Protein backbone atom coordinates (compact mmCIF):
# COMPACT_ATOMS: atom_id res chain seq x y z
CA MET A 1 16.47 -305.80 -37.84
CA LYS A 2 19.23 -303.74 -37.92
CA SER A 3 22.66 -305.49 -39.04
CA LEU A 4 25.48 -305.59 -37.31
CA PRO A 5 28.51 -304.66 -37.34
CA MET A 6 31.48 -307.08 -38.29
CA THR A 7 33.95 -305.63 -35.09
CA PRO A 8 36.66 -308.55 -34.76
CA GLU A 9 34.78 -309.14 -31.16
CA ILE A 10 31.41 -309.74 -33.31
CA LEU A 11 33.24 -312.15 -36.20
CA ASN A 12 34.75 -314.22 -32.99
CA VAL A 13 31.54 -314.62 -30.56
CA ALA A 14 30.04 -315.47 -35.13
CA ARG A 15 32.65 -318.04 -35.49
CA ARG A 16 32.10 -319.63 -31.63
CA VAL A 17 28.57 -319.95 -31.91
CA VAL A 18 27.48 -320.85 -35.38
CA TRP A 19 31.09 -322.91 -35.39
CA PHE A 20 28.94 -323.73 -39.44
CA ARG A 21 28.90 -321.13 -41.28
CA GLU A 22 31.10 -319.08 -42.26
CA PRO A 23 30.59 -315.50 -39.84
CA GLU A 24 30.67 -313.16 -42.83
CA GLU A 25 27.42 -315.39 -43.71
CA GLU A 26 26.04 -315.77 -39.96
CA LEU A 27 26.23 -311.89 -39.45
CA ALA A 28 24.49 -311.05 -42.45
CA ASP A 29 21.14 -312.37 -40.80
CA PRO A 30 21.17 -311.03 -37.36
CA VAL A 31 18.07 -313.35 -35.89
CA HIS A 32 19.58 -316.44 -36.09
CA PHE A 33 22.63 -315.40 -35.16
CA LEU A 34 21.32 -313.30 -31.71
CA ALA A 35 19.25 -316.35 -30.97
CA HIS A 36 22.32 -318.40 -30.97
CA VAL A 37 23.67 -315.99 -29.33
CA MET A 38 21.09 -315.21 -26.39
CA SER A 39 20.34 -319.47 -26.15
CA ILE A 40 24.50 -320.80 -25.93
CA GLY A 41 26.30 -316.94 -25.46
CA THR A 42 28.13 -316.74 -22.19
CA VAL A 43 29.16 -314.19 -20.63
CA ASP A 44 31.71 -312.82 -22.87
CA ASP A 45 29.55 -313.12 -25.94
CA LEU A 46 27.07 -310.99 -24.46
CA LYS A 47 29.99 -307.85 -23.67
CA ALA A 48 30.94 -308.34 -27.19
CA LEU A 49 27.20 -306.66 -27.96
CA GLN A 50 26.67 -304.67 -25.53
CA GLY A 51 26.50 -301.03 -26.43
CA ILE A 52 25.25 -302.52 -30.28
CA VAL A 53 22.22 -304.30 -29.48
CA GLY A 54 19.91 -303.77 -27.22
CA LYS A 55 16.93 -304.97 -25.29
CA ASP A 56 14.91 -304.01 -28.14
CA GLU A 57 16.76 -306.13 -30.98
CA TYR A 58 16.77 -309.10 -28.28
CA ARG A 59 12.89 -309.04 -27.57
CA GLU A 60 12.78 -308.56 -32.26
CA VAL A 61 14.57 -311.71 -31.59
CA LEU A 62 12.12 -313.55 -29.55
CA GLU A 63 9.47 -312.52 -31.81
CA LYS A 64 11.16 -314.06 -34.68
CA ALA A 65 12.94 -317.19 -33.22
CA PRO A 66 13.38 -319.88 -35.62
CA PRO A 67 12.13 -323.22 -34.22
CA GLY A 68 15.06 -325.59 -32.82
CA ILE A 69 17.91 -322.79 -31.87
CA PHE A 70 15.92 -321.74 -27.99
CA ASP A 71 15.64 -324.43 -25.37
CA ALA A 72 13.33 -324.08 -21.95
CA ARG A 73 15.36 -322.90 -19.63
CA SER A 74 17.03 -319.93 -22.58
CA TRP A 75 13.75 -318.99 -23.98
CA ALA A 76 12.11 -318.64 -20.49
CA TYR A 77 15.46 -316.57 -19.10
CA TRP A 78 14.95 -314.38 -22.51
CA ASN A 79 11.51 -313.79 -22.61
CA LEU A 80 11.72 -312.96 -18.25
CA LYS A 81 14.56 -310.24 -19.51
CA CYS A 82 13.02 -308.82 -21.49
CA GLY A 83 9.06 -308.49 -20.24
CA ARG A 84 7.71 -311.08 -22.18
CA GLN A 85 5.74 -312.97 -19.39
CA PRO A 86 4.06 -315.48 -19.32
CA ALA A 87 7.08 -316.36 -22.31
CA PRO A 88 4.83 -317.83 -25.34
CA PRO A 89 5.72 -321.35 -26.58
CA LEU A 90 8.94 -321.95 -27.44
CA PRO A 91 9.34 -321.43 -31.48
CA SER A 92 8.73 -324.65 -33.17
CA ARG A 93 9.10 -326.54 -37.13
CA THR A 94 6.25 -327.32 -38.78
CA ASN A 95 5.82 -330.32 -41.32
CA LYS A 96 4.51 -328.69 -44.57
CA PHE A 97 4.95 -331.81 -46.65
CA LEU A 98 2.27 -333.91 -43.68
CA VAL A 99 -0.49 -335.45 -46.21
CA MET A 100 -3.33 -336.95 -44.84
């Protein structure tokens, strides 16, 4: 995924949707950042990304989505918007340390 420009508008979006990391740090991981925008972003957040992020980037986020960010509703919406029907299952965490 291409890196995102650090414009004042995008930095403000990063500050709002990923409040637990510094905006510059968050923008260094565009898949993580965009997954948060796609899940909890507002229309204004999406407008700030318009012309910078398109359907291909949103589709890539869905393909590489980190587990635990999307809820069922936003996952279904973005998969429909990106033409991925039927939507695959939500990304889930795996327990690497589970011993049987």
